[in-house]
Amino acid sequence: AEDVEENYAPSTSGSHRDSMPSVLSLDSFLEDLSGEIVGNPKCLNSRFEWHIPARPPCEVIMDLFTKLMRIYFGHIRGDGCGADTVAAAESEEFRAFIRLAAELRHVDLSQMNRRESTSFFLNLYNTLFLHGTFTLGFPSKEKQRKRFFDEVAYQVQDHRFSLHDIHHGILRGNRPPPGSRK
């Protein structure tokens, strides 16, 4: 998995900055990335191209989740109450993680059985949540939270998966969120 980090390249479809700003509003995040996107413009894994065949989906997502957890635990605050997500988002390790997340756009989901699929999407959800929190910060207001869960997404193959899509569409079998009108 270590040699995988050398198989990405910045997008050639526009200019590229070496790092992503640490904490932004979702609007400015999406506007800031316009013109630099390789895949779906509303997806956090669209900044880089992937130039080799993708590994099996569960291997890719476990590698990404493990790397992101190392970043998280490497930035635990002095008081022990959570991680310094701003410092984590500015780290070289997080920049490498962003480049590696491009592999998700090329995985083949069709070969997974139900158990693998469940494992993949649970780990995708957790990885996407942390990636979104590192990049945008965690929204404090209800309206911001709803937007965060609806719009923070990854592109996997040709599909866009938001946190909401994964939670309610895949893991809960397309049942409406609790408390919503049917």
N, C-alpha and C. Protein backbone atom coordinates (compact mmCIF):
# COMPACT_ATOMS: atom_id res chain seq x y z
N ALA A 1 0.81 -1.20 0.00
CA ALA A 1 0.00 0.00 0.00
C ALA A 1 0.86 1.26 0.00
N GLU A 2 2.07 1.18 0.49
CA GLU A 2 2.92 2.38 0.55
C GLU A 2 3.28 2.88 -0.84
N ASP A 3 3.50 1.96 -1.81
CA ASP A 3 3.87 2.39 -3.15
C ASP A 3 2.69 2.99 -3.91
N VAL A 4 1.49 2.83 -3.39
CA VAL A 4 0.30 3.39 -4.01
C VAL A 4 0.38 4.91 -4.04
N GLU A 5 1.00 5.52 -3.05
CA GLU A 5 1.05 6.98 -2.96
C GLU A 5 1.74 7.62 -4.15
N GLU A 6 2.50 6.87 -4.90
CA GLU A 6 3.20 7.44 -6.03
C GLU A 6 2.40 7.33 -7.32
N ASN A 7 1.17 6.81 -7.28
CA ASN A 7 0.39 6.57 -8.48
C ASN A 7 -0.74 7.55 -8.69
N TYR A 8 -0.59 8.73 -8.19
CA TYR A 8 -1.56 9.77 -8.40
C TYR A 8 -0.87 10.90 -9.15
N ALA A 9 -1.67 11.78 -9.69
CA ALA A 9 -1.13 12.98 -10.31
C ALA A 9 -2.14 14.08 -10.15
N PRO A 10 -1.68 15.32 -10.00
CA PRO A 10 -2.64 16.41 -9.93
C PRO A 10 -3.45 16.49 -11.21
N SER A 11 -4.62 17.05 -11.12
CA SER A 11 -5.45 17.24 -12.29
C SER A 11 -4.71 18.07 -13.32
N THR A 12 -4.83 17.67 -14.56
CA THR A 12 -4.26 18.46 -15.64
C THR A 12 -5.33 19.31 -16.30
N SER A 13 -6.56 19.26 -15.76
CA SER A 13 -7.66 20.00 -16.34
C SER A 13 -7.72 21.44 -15.88
N GLY A 14 -6.81 21.86 -15.04
CA GLY A 14 -6.80 23.24 -14.57
C GLY A 14 -5.61 23.44 -13.67
N SER A 15 -5.53 24.63 -13.10
CA SER A 15 -4.41 24.90 -12.21
C SER A 15 -4.55 24.07 -10.95
N HIS A 16 -3.47 23.87 -10.25
CA HIS A 16 -3.51 23.04 -9.04
C HIS A 16 -2.73 23.73 -7.93
N ARG A 17 -3.31 23.75 -6.77
CA ARG A 17 -2.60 24.22 -5.59
C ARG A 17 -2.16 22.99 -4.82
N ASP A 18 -1.08 23.11 -4.10
CA ASP A 18 -0.54 21.96 -3.38
C ASP A 18 -1.35 21.56 -2.17
N SER A 19 -2.09 22.47 -1.59
CA SER A 19 -2.84 22.10 -0.41
C SER A 19 -4.23 22.66 -0.46
N MET A 20 -5.10 22.02 0.27
CA MET A 20 -6.46 22.45 0.39
C MET A 20 -6.56 23.36 1.61
N PRO A 21 -7.29 24.45 1.54
CA PRO A 21 -7.45 25.27 2.73
C PRO A 21 -8.04 24.44 3.86
N SER A 22 -7.72 24.79 5.09
CA SER A 22 -8.08 23.94 6.21
C SER A 22 -9.57 23.91 6.53
N VAL A 23 -10.18 25.01 6.85
CA VAL A 23 -11.59 25.00 7.22
C VAL A 23 -12.30 26.07 6.40
N LEU A 24 -13.31 25.68 5.65
CA LEU A 24 -14.03 26.58 4.77
C LEU A 24 -15.52 26.37 4.91
N SER A 25 -16.30 27.30 4.39
CA SER A 25 -17.72 27.03 4.27
C SER A 25 -17.88 26.11 3.07
N LEU A 26 -18.96 25.36 3.02
CA LEU A 26 -19.16 24.45 1.91
C LEU A 26 -19.24 25.22 0.60
N ASP A 27 -19.92 26.38 0.58
CA ASP A 27 -20.01 27.18 -0.65
C ASP A 27 -18.65 27.60 -1.15
N SER A 28 -17.82 28.15 -0.25
CA SER A 28 -16.51 28.61 -0.71
C SER A 28 -15.63 27.43 -1.09
N PHE A 29 -15.81 26.29 -0.43
CA PHE A 29 -15.06 25.09 -0.79
C PHE A 29 -15.38 24.69 -2.23
N LEU A 30 -16.66 24.63 -2.57
CA LEU A 30 -17.05 24.22 -3.90
C LEU A 30 -16.64 25.26 -4.94
N GLU A 31 -16.81 26.55 -4.64
CA GLU A 31 -16.41 27.61 -5.56
C GLU A 31 -14.90 27.60 -5.76
N ASP A 32 -14.15 27.43 -4.68
CA ASP A 32 -12.69 27.46 -4.73
C ASP A 32 -12.14 26.36 -5.61
N LEU A 33 -12.82 25.22 -5.67
CA LEU A 33 -12.31 24.09 -6.44
C LEU A 33 -12.76 24.11 -7.89
N SER A 34 -13.68 25.01 -8.27
CA SER A 34 -14.15 25.01 -9.65
C SER A 34 -12.98 25.23 -10.59
N GLY A 35 -12.97 24.48 -11.68
CA GLY A 35 -11.89 24.56 -12.64
C GLY A 35 -10.72 23.64 -12.32
N GLU A 36 -10.70 23.04 -11.15
CA GLU A 36 -9.60 22.14 -10.79
C GLU A 36 -10.08 20.70 -10.65
N ILE A 37 -11.32 20.45 -10.91
CA ILE A 37 -11.93 19.18 -10.61
C ILE A 37 -11.72 18.17 -11.74
N VAL A 38 -11.41 16.95 -11.37
CA VAL A 38 -11.24 15.87 -12.33
C VAL A 38 -12.55 15.11 -12.46
N GLY A 39 -13.17 14.77 -11.34
CA GLY A 39 -14.42 14.02 -11.33
C GLY A 39 -15.59 14.93 -10.99
N ASN A 40 -16.51 14.44 -10.21
CA ASN A 40 -17.69 15.20 -9.80
C ASN A 40 -17.27 16.39 -8.94
N PRO A 41 -17.68 17.61 -9.30
CA PRO A 41 -17.20 18.80 -8.60
C PRO A 41 -17.65 18.91 -7.14
N LYS A 42 -18.66 18.16 -6.74
CA LYS A 42 -19.09 18.24 -5.35
C LYS A 42 -18.53 17.10 -4.51
N CYS A 43 -17.51 16.46 -5.00
CA CYS A 43 -16.93 15.32 -4.29
C CYS A 43 -15.53 15.64 -3.78
N LEU A 44 -15.27 15.23 -2.54
CA LEU A 44 -13.99 15.52 -1.91
C LEU A 44 -12.82 14.76 -2.53
N ASN A 45 -13.08 13.75 -3.32
CA ASN A 45 -11.99 12.98 -3.91
C ASN A 45 -11.82 13.26 -5.40
N SER A 46 -12.09 14.49 -5.81
CA SER A 46 -12.03 14.84 -7.23
C SER A 46 -10.84 15.70 -7.62
N ARG A 47 -9.91 15.90 -6.73
CA ARG A 47 -8.80 16.81 -7.04
C ARG A 47 -7.68 16.18 -7.86
N PHE A 48 -7.55 14.88 -7.83
CA PHE A 48 -6.43 14.22 -8.49
C PHE A 48 -6.90 13.09 -9.37
N GLU A 49 -6.07 12.75 -10.36
CA GLU A 49 -6.34 11.62 -11.23
C GLU A 49 -5.68 10.38 -10.62
N TRP A 50 -6.15 9.22 -11.03
CA TRP A 50 -5.56 7.95 -10.60
C TRP A 50 -5.12 7.21 -11.86
N HIS A 51 -3.86 6.80 -11.94
CA HIS A 51 -3.31 6.31 -13.20
C HIS A 51 -3.03 4.81 -13.26
N ILE A 52 -3.37 4.06 -12.26
CA ILE A 52 -3.15 2.62 -12.31
C ILE A 52 -4.46 1.92 -11.96
N PRO A 53 -4.57 0.63 -12.25
CA PRO A 53 -5.81 -0.07 -11.88
C PRO A 53 -6.03 0.00 -10.37
N ALA A 54 -7.27 0.19 -10.00
CA ALA A 54 -7.62 0.28 -8.58
C ALA A 54 -7.57 -1.09 -7.93
N ARG A 55 -7.27 -1.08 -6.65
CA ARG A 55 -7.28 -2.30 -5.84
C ARG A 55 -8.74 -2.66 -5.53
N PRO A 56 -8.97 -3.81 -4.90
CA PRO A 56 -10.33 -4.16 -4.49
C PRO A 56 -10.90 -3.09 -3.55
N PRO A 57 -12.20 -2.81 -3.65
CA PRO A 57 -12.81 -1.72 -2.88
C PRO A 57 -12.55 -1.78 -1.37
N CYS A 58 -12.68 -2.95 -0.77
CA CYS A 58 -12.48 -3.04 0.69
C CYS A 58 -11.03 -2.74 1.08
N GLU A 59 -10.10 -3.14 0.24
CA GLU A 59 -8.69 -2.84 0.50
C GLU A 59 -8.43 -1.34 0.42
N VAL A 60 -9.01 -0.70 -0.58
CA VAL A 60 -8.84 0.75 -0.76
C VAL A 60 -9.41 1.51 0.43
N ILE A 61 -10.65 1.20 0.81
CA ILE A 61 -11.29 1.99 1.86
C ILE A 61 -10.65 1.72 3.22
N MET A 62 -10.21 0.50 3.48
CA MET A 62 -9.53 0.22 4.76
C MET A 62 -8.20 0.96 4.83
N ASP A 63 -7.49 1.02 3.72
CA ASP A 63 -6.24 1.77 3.67
C ASP A 63 -6.50 3.25 3.94
N LEU A 64 -7.50 3.81 3.28
CA LEU A 64 -7.83 5.23 3.48
C LEU A 64 -8.28 5.51 4.92
N PHE A 65 -9.15 4.66 5.44
CA PHE A 65 -9.66 4.85 6.80
C PHE A 65 -8.52 4.76 7.82
N THR A 66 -7.63 3.79 7.63
CA THR A 66 -6.49 3.62 8.54
C THR A 66 -5.59 4.85 8.50
N LYS A 67 -5.30 5.35 7.32
CA LYS A 67 -4.46 6.55 7.19
C LYS A 67 -5.12 7.75 7.86
N LEU A 68 -6.42 7.90 7.66
CA LEU A 68 -7.13 9.04 8.24
C LEU A 68 -7.19 8.95 9.76
N MET A 69 -7.34 7.75 10.30
CA MET A 69 -7.34 7.59 11.76
C MET A 69 -5.96 7.90 12.34
N ARG A 70 -4.90 7.53 11.62
CA ARG A 70 -3.55 7.88 12.08
C ARG A 70 -3.38 9.40 12.12
N ILE A 71 -3.90 10.08 11.12
CA ILE A 71 -3.84 11.55 11.09
C ILE A 71 -4.63 12.11 12.28
N TYR A 72 -5.83 11.59 12.49
CA TYR A 72 -6.67 12.04 13.60
C TYR A 72 -5.94 11.87 14.94
N PHE A 73 -5.45 10.67 15.21
CA PHE A 73 -4.80 10.42 16.50
C PHE A 73 -3.45 11.12 16.61
N GLY A 74 -2.86 11.48 15.50
CA GLY A 74 -1.62 12.25 15.53
C GLY A 74 -1.83 13.72 15.84
N HIS A 75 -3.09 14.14 15.88
CA HIS A 75 -3.41 15.55 16.13
C HIS A 75 -4.38 15.72 17.30
N ILE A 76 -4.32 14.80 18.26
CA ILE A 76 -5.17 14.92 19.45
C ILE A 76 -4.76 16.18 20.21
N ARG A 77 -5.76 16.94 20.63
CA ARG A 77 -5.49 18.17 21.39
C ARG A 77 -4.87 17.85 22.74
N GLY A 78 -4.17 18.82 23.29
CA GLY A 78 -3.51 18.67 24.59
C GLY A 78 -4.45 18.28 25.70
N ASP A 79 -5.72 18.75 25.63
CA ASP A 79 -6.68 18.40 26.68
C ASP A 79 -7.29 17.02 26.47
N GLY A 80 -6.93 16.36 25.35
CA GLY A 80 -7.44 15.02 25.08
C GLY A 80 -8.85 14.99 24.54
N CYS A 81 -9.45 16.14 24.31
CA CYS A 81 -10.84 16.23 23.83
C CYS A 81 -10.88 16.41 22.32
N GLY A 82 -10.71 15.36 21.59
CA GLY A 82 -10.79 15.43 20.14
C GLY A 82 -9.47 15.85 19.50
N ALA A 83 -9.52 15.96 18.18
CA ALA A 83 -8.34 16.31 17.41
C ALA A 83 -8.39 17.76 16.97
N ASP A 84 -7.23 18.31 16.73
CA ASP A 84 -7.11 19.64 16.14
C ASP A 84 -7.29 19.45 14.64
N THR A 85 -8.52 19.58 14.15
CA THR A 85 -8.81 19.29 12.75
C THR A 85 -8.17 20.30 11.80
N VAL A 86 -7.95 21.52 12.26
CA VAL A 86 -7.29 22.52 11.42
C VAL A 86 -5.85 22.09 11.17
N ALA A 87 -5.14 21.73 12.22
CA ALA A 87 -3.75 21.27 12.07
C ALA A 87 -3.70 19.98 11.25
N ALA A 88 -4.65 19.08 11.49
CA ALA A 88 -4.68 17.83 10.74
C ALA A 88 -4.87 18.11 9.25
N ALA A 89 -5.79 19.03 8.91
CA ALA A 89 -6.06 19.35 7.51
C ALA A 89 -4.88 20.02 6.82
N GLU A 90 -4.02 20.63 7.59
CA GLU A 90 -2.85 21.30 7.01
C GLU A 90 -1.62 20.39 6.96
N SER A 91 -1.75 19.19 7.45
CA SER A 91 -0.59 18.29 7.52
C SER A 91 -0.26 17.68 6.16
N GLU A 92 0.99 17.33 6.01
CA GLU A 92 1.45 16.65 4.79
C GLU A 92 0.76 15.30 4.64
N GLU A 93 0.51 14.62 5.76
CA GLU A 93 -0.17 13.32 5.71
C GLU A 93 -1.58 13.46 5.13
N PHE A 94 -2.27 14.54 5.50
CA PHE A 94 -3.63 14.74 4.98
C PHE A 94 -3.58 15.07 3.49
N ARG A 95 -2.59 15.84 3.07
CA ARG A 95 -2.44 16.12 1.63
C ARG A 95 -2.24 14.81 0.85
N ALA A 96 -1.43 13.92 1.40
CA ALA A 96 -1.22 12.62 0.75
C ALA A 96 -2.52 11.82 0.74
N PHE A 97 -3.27 11.87 1.83
CA PHE A 97 -4.55 11.17 1.91
C PHE A 97 -5.49 11.66 0.80
N ILE A 98 -5.56 12.98 0.59
CA ILE A 98 -6.44 13.54 -0.44
C ILE A 98 -6.08 12.97 -1.81
N ARG A 99 -4.79 12.87 -2.08
CA ARG A 99 -4.36 12.32 -3.37
C ARG A 99 -4.77 10.86 -3.50
N LEU A 100 -4.64 10.10 -2.42
CA LEU A 100 -4.99 8.67 -2.45
C LEU A 100 -6.48 8.42 -2.58
N ALA A 101 -7.30 9.34 -2.09
CA ALA A 101 -8.76 9.17 -2.16
C ALA A 101 -9.27 9.11 -3.60
N ALA A 102 -8.47 9.58 -4.55
CA ALA A 102 -8.87 9.51 -5.96
C ALA A 102 -9.07 8.07 -6.43
N GLU A 103 -8.42 7.12 -5.79
CA GLU A 103 -8.55 5.72 -6.19
C GLU A 103 -9.99 5.24 -6.08
N LEU A 104 -10.76 5.83 -5.16
CA LEU A 104 -12.16 5.42 -4.99
C LEU A 104 -12.97 5.59 -6.27
N ARG A 105 -12.60 6.53 -7.10
CA ARG A 105 -13.34 6.76 -8.34
C ARG A 105 -13.19 5.60 -9.33
N HIS A 106 -12.26 4.70 -9.06
CA HIS A 106 -11.96 3.63 -10.01
C HIS A 106 -12.18 2.22 -9.46
N VAL A 107 -12.67 2.08 -8.24
CA VAL A 107 -12.91 0.74 -7.70
C VAL A 107 -14.10 0.10 -8.39
N ASP A 108 -14.14 -1.23 -8.38
CA ASP A 108 -15.23 -1.99 -8.99
C ASP A 108 -16.12 -2.55 -7.88
N LEU A 109 -17.27 -1.93 -7.69
CA LEU A 109 -18.19 -2.35 -6.63
C LEU A 109 -18.97 -3.61 -7.00
N SER A 110 -18.99 -3.97 -8.26
CA SER A 110 -19.84 -5.08 -8.71
C SER A 110 -19.39 -6.44 -8.22
N GLN A 111 -18.15 -6.59 -7.80
CA GLN A 111 -17.63 -7.89 -7.39
C GLN A 111 -17.77 -8.17 -5.89
N MET A 112 -18.36 -7.23 -5.14
CA MET A 112 -18.46 -7.41 -3.68
C MET A 112 -19.72 -8.19 -3.32
N ASN A 113 -19.58 -9.05 -2.32
CA ASN A 113 -20.76 -9.72 -1.78
C ASN A 113 -21.42 -8.79 -0.75
N ARG A 114 -22.51 -9.21 -0.15
CA ARG A 114 -23.26 -8.35 0.77
C ARG A 114 -22.41 -7.95 1.99
N ARG A 115 -21.67 -8.88 2.54
CA ARG A 115 -20.83 -8.59 3.71
C ARG A 115 -19.75 -7.57 3.36
N GLU A 116 -19.09 -7.76 2.24
CA GLU A 116 -18.06 -6.82 1.79
C GLU A 116 -18.65 -5.45 1.50
N SER A 117 -19.82 -5.45 0.88
CA SER A 117 -20.49 -4.20 0.57
C SER A 117 -20.84 -3.42 1.84
N THR A 118 -21.37 -4.12 2.83
CA THR A 118 -21.69 -3.47 4.10
C THR A 118 -20.44 -2.91 4.75
N SER A 119 -19.40 -3.69 4.79
CA SER A 119 -18.13 -3.25 5.36
C SER A 119 -17.59 -2.04 4.59
N PHE A 120 -17.62 -2.12 3.27
CA PHE A 120 -17.12 -1.02 2.44
C PHE A 120 -17.87 0.28 2.76
N PHE A 121 -19.20 0.22 2.76
CA PHE A 121 -19.97 1.45 2.93
C PHE A 121 -19.93 1.98 4.37
N LEU A 122 -19.82 1.11 5.36
CA LEU A 122 -19.62 1.61 6.73
C LEU A 122 -18.30 2.37 6.84
N ASN A 123 -17.25 1.80 6.27
CA ASN A 123 -15.94 2.46 6.31
C ASN A 123 -15.89 3.69 5.41
N LEU A 124 -16.60 3.65 4.29
CA LEU A 124 -16.68 4.83 3.42
C LEU A 124 -17.36 5.98 4.17
N TYR A 125 -18.44 5.68 4.87
CA TYR A 125 -19.16 6.69 5.64
C TYR A 125 -18.24 7.33 6.69
N ASN A 126 -17.56 6.51 7.46
CA ASN A 126 -16.68 7.03 8.51
C ASN A 126 -15.52 7.83 7.94
N THR A 127 -14.96 7.35 6.84
CA THR A 127 -13.85 8.06 6.19
C THR A 127 -14.33 9.39 5.63
N LEU A 128 -15.47 9.38 4.96
CA LEU A 128 -16.02 10.61 4.39
C LEU A 128 -16.38 11.62 5.47
N PHE A 129 -16.94 11.15 6.58
CA PHE A 129 -17.28 12.04 7.69
C PHE A 129 -16.02 12.75 8.22
N LEU A 130 -14.97 11.98 8.49
CA LEU A 130 -13.73 12.59 8.98
C LEU A 130 -13.09 13.50 7.94
N HIS A 131 -13.07 13.08 6.69
CA HIS A 131 -12.51 13.89 5.63
C HIS A 131 -13.26 15.22 5.53
N GLY A 132 -14.58 15.16 5.56
CA GLY A 132 -15.39 16.38 5.53
C GLY A 132 -15.15 17.27 6.73
N THR A 133 -15.01 16.67 7.91
CA THR A 133 -14.75 17.43 9.13
C THR A 133 -13.38 18.09 9.08
N PHE A 134 -12.37 17.38 8.61
CA PHE A 134 -11.03 17.97 8.49
C PHE A 134 -11.05 19.13 7.50
N THR A 135 -11.75 18.96 6.41
CA THR A 135 -11.75 19.95 5.34
C THR A 135 -12.63 21.15 5.65
N LEU A 136 -13.81 20.91 6.18
CA LEU A 136 -14.80 21.98 6.37
C LEU A 136 -15.06 22.35 7.82
N GLY A 137 -14.60 21.53 8.74
CA GLY A 137 -14.99 21.71 10.14
C GLY A 137 -16.36 21.09 10.34
N PHE A 138 -16.73 20.83 11.58
CA PHE A 138 -18.05 20.24 11.83
C PHE A 138 -19.05 21.36 12.04
N PRO A 139 -20.13 21.38 11.27
CA PRO A 139 -21.12 22.46 11.40
C PRO A 139 -21.82 22.44 12.75
N SER A 140 -22.03 23.62 13.29
CA SER A 140 -22.62 23.72 14.63
C SER A 140 -24.12 23.94 14.61
N LYS A 141 -24.68 24.42 13.53
CA LYS A 141 -26.12 24.70 13.46
C LYS A 141 -26.83 23.60 12.69
N GLU A 142 -28.09 23.37 13.04
CA GLU A 142 -28.88 22.29 12.44
C GLU A 142 -28.92 22.39 10.91
N LYS A 143 -29.17 23.57 10.38
CA LYS A 143 -29.24 23.75 8.92
C LYS A 143 -27.89 23.43 8.27
N GLN A 144 -26.81 23.84 8.92
CA GLN A 144 -25.47 23.55 8.40
C GLN A 144 -25.19 22.04 8.44
N ARG A 145 -25.63 21.38 9.51
CA ARG A 145 -25.43 19.93 9.62
C ARG A 145 -26.16 19.19 8.51
N LYS A 146 -27.41 19.58 8.26
CA LYS A 146 -28.18 18.93 7.19
C LYS A 146 -27.47 19.09 5.86
N ARG A 147 -26.99 20.28 5.59
CA ARG A 147 -26.29 20.54 4.34
C ARG A 147 -24.97 19.74 4.28
N PHE A 148 -24.26 19.68 5.39
CA PHE A 148 -23.02 18.91 5.47
C PHE A 148 -23.28 17.45 5.08
N PHE A 149 -24.29 16.84 5.68
CA PHE A 149 -24.59 15.42 5.43
C PHE A 149 -25.16 15.19 4.03
N ASP A 150 -25.83 16.20 3.47
CA ASP A 150 -26.37 16.08 2.11
C ASP A 150 -25.34 16.33 1.02
N GLU A 151 -24.36 17.20 1.29
CA GLU A 151 -23.49 17.65 0.20
C GLU A 151 -22.04 17.16 0.28
N VAL A 152 -21.55 16.81 1.45
CA VAL A 152 -20.19 16.27 1.52
C VAL A 152 -20.25 14.85 0.94
N ALA A 153 -19.45 14.61 -0.11
CA ALA A 153 -19.60 13.35 -0.85
C ALA A 153 -18.27 12.89 -1.44
N TYR A 154 -18.26 11.61 -1.80
CA TYR A 154 -17.19 11.01 -2.58
C TYR A 154 -17.79 10.52 -3.89
N GLN A 155 -16.97 10.49 -4.92
CA GLN A 155 -17.33 9.81 -6.15
C GLN A 155 -16.73 8.41 -6.06
N VAL A 156 -17.57 7.40 -6.24
CA VAL A 156 -17.14 6.01 -6.26
C VAL A 156 -17.65 5.44 -7.57
N GLN A 157 -16.74 4.99 -8.41
CA GLN A 157 -17.05 4.66 -9.81
C GLN A 157 -17.70 5.90 -10.42
N ASP A 158 -18.86 5.74 -11.01
CA ASP A 158 -19.55 6.89 -11.63
C ASP A 158 -20.66 7.43 -10.74
N HIS A 159 -20.64 7.09 -9.46
CA HIS A 159 -21.71 7.47 -8.56
C HIS A 159 -21.22 8.46 -7.51
N ARG A 160 -22.08 9.40 -7.17
CA ARG A 160 -21.80 10.35 -6.10
C ARG A 160 -22.52 9.86 -4.85
N PHE A 161 -21.77 9.68 -3.76
CA PHE A 161 -22.35 9.21 -2.50
C PHE A 161 -22.10 10.26 -1.42
N SER A 162 -23.18 10.87 -0.94
CA SER A 162 -23.07 11.79 0.19
C SER A 162 -23.19 10.98 1.48
N LEU A 163 -22.89 11.62 2.60
CA LEU A 163 -23.08 10.95 3.90
C LEU A 163 -24.54 10.51 4.05
N HIS A 164 -25.46 11.37 3.65
CA HIS A 164 -26.89 11.06 3.73
C HIS A 164 -27.22 9.85 2.84
N ASP A 165 -26.71 9.84 1.62
CA ASP A 165 -26.96 8.72 0.69
C ASP A 165 -26.50 7.40 1.29
N ILE A 166 -25.29 7.41 1.85
CA ILE A 166 -24.73 6.17 2.41
C ILE A 166 -25.54 5.72 3.61
N HIS A 167 -25.82 6.64 4.52
CA HIS A 167 -26.52 6.28 5.76
C HIS A 167 -27.94 5.80 5.49
N HIS A 168 -28.73 6.63 4.82
CA HIS A 168 -30.15 6.31 4.67
C HIS A 168 -30.45 5.49 3.42
N GLY A 169 -29.69 5.69 2.34
CA GLY A 169 -29.95 4.98 1.11
C GLY A 169 -29.37 3.59 1.07
N ILE A 170 -28.15 3.44 1.55
CA ILE A 170 -27.47 2.13 1.45
C ILE A 170 -27.57 1.35 2.75
N LEU A 171 -27.07 1.94 3.83
CA LEU A 171 -27.01 1.19 5.10
C LEU A 171 -28.40 0.97 5.71
N ARG A 172 -29.33 1.89 5.48
CA ARG A 172 -30.69 1.74 6.02
C ARG A 172 -31.67 1.27 4.96
N GLY A 173 -31.20 0.90 3.79
CA GLY A 173 -32.05 0.34 2.75
C GLY A 173 -33.09 1.30 2.20
N ASN A 174 -32.73 2.54 1.95
CA ASN A 174 -33.60 3.56 1.38
C ASN A 174 -34.79 3.94 2.27
N ARG A 175 -34.66 3.68 3.54
CA ARG A 175 -35.71 4.14 4.46
C ARG A 175 -35.50 5.62 4.72
N PRO A 176 -36.57 6.38 4.89
CA PRO A 176 -36.41 7.81 5.17
C PRO A 176 -35.75 8.02 6.53
N PRO A 177 -35.07 9.15 6.70
CA PRO A 177 -34.45 9.44 7.99
C PRO A 177 -35.50 9.46 9.10
N PRO A 178 -35.14 9.07 10.32
CA PRO A 178 -36.08 9.13 11.43
C PRO A 178 -36.63 10.54 11.60
N GLY A 179 -37.91 10.64 11.81
CA GLY A 179 -38.53 11.94 12.03
C GLY A 179 -38.92 12.66 10.75
N SER A 180 -38.61 12.09 9.59
CA SER A 180 -38.96 12.76 8.34
C SER A 180 -40.36 12.31 7.91
N ARG A 181 -40.95 13.09 7.03
CA ARG A 181 -42.26 12.73 6.50
C ARG A 181 -42.09 11.74 5.38
N LYS A 182 -43.00 10.81 5.31
CA LYS A 182 -42.90 9.75 4.28
C LYS A 182 -43.52 10.16 2.99
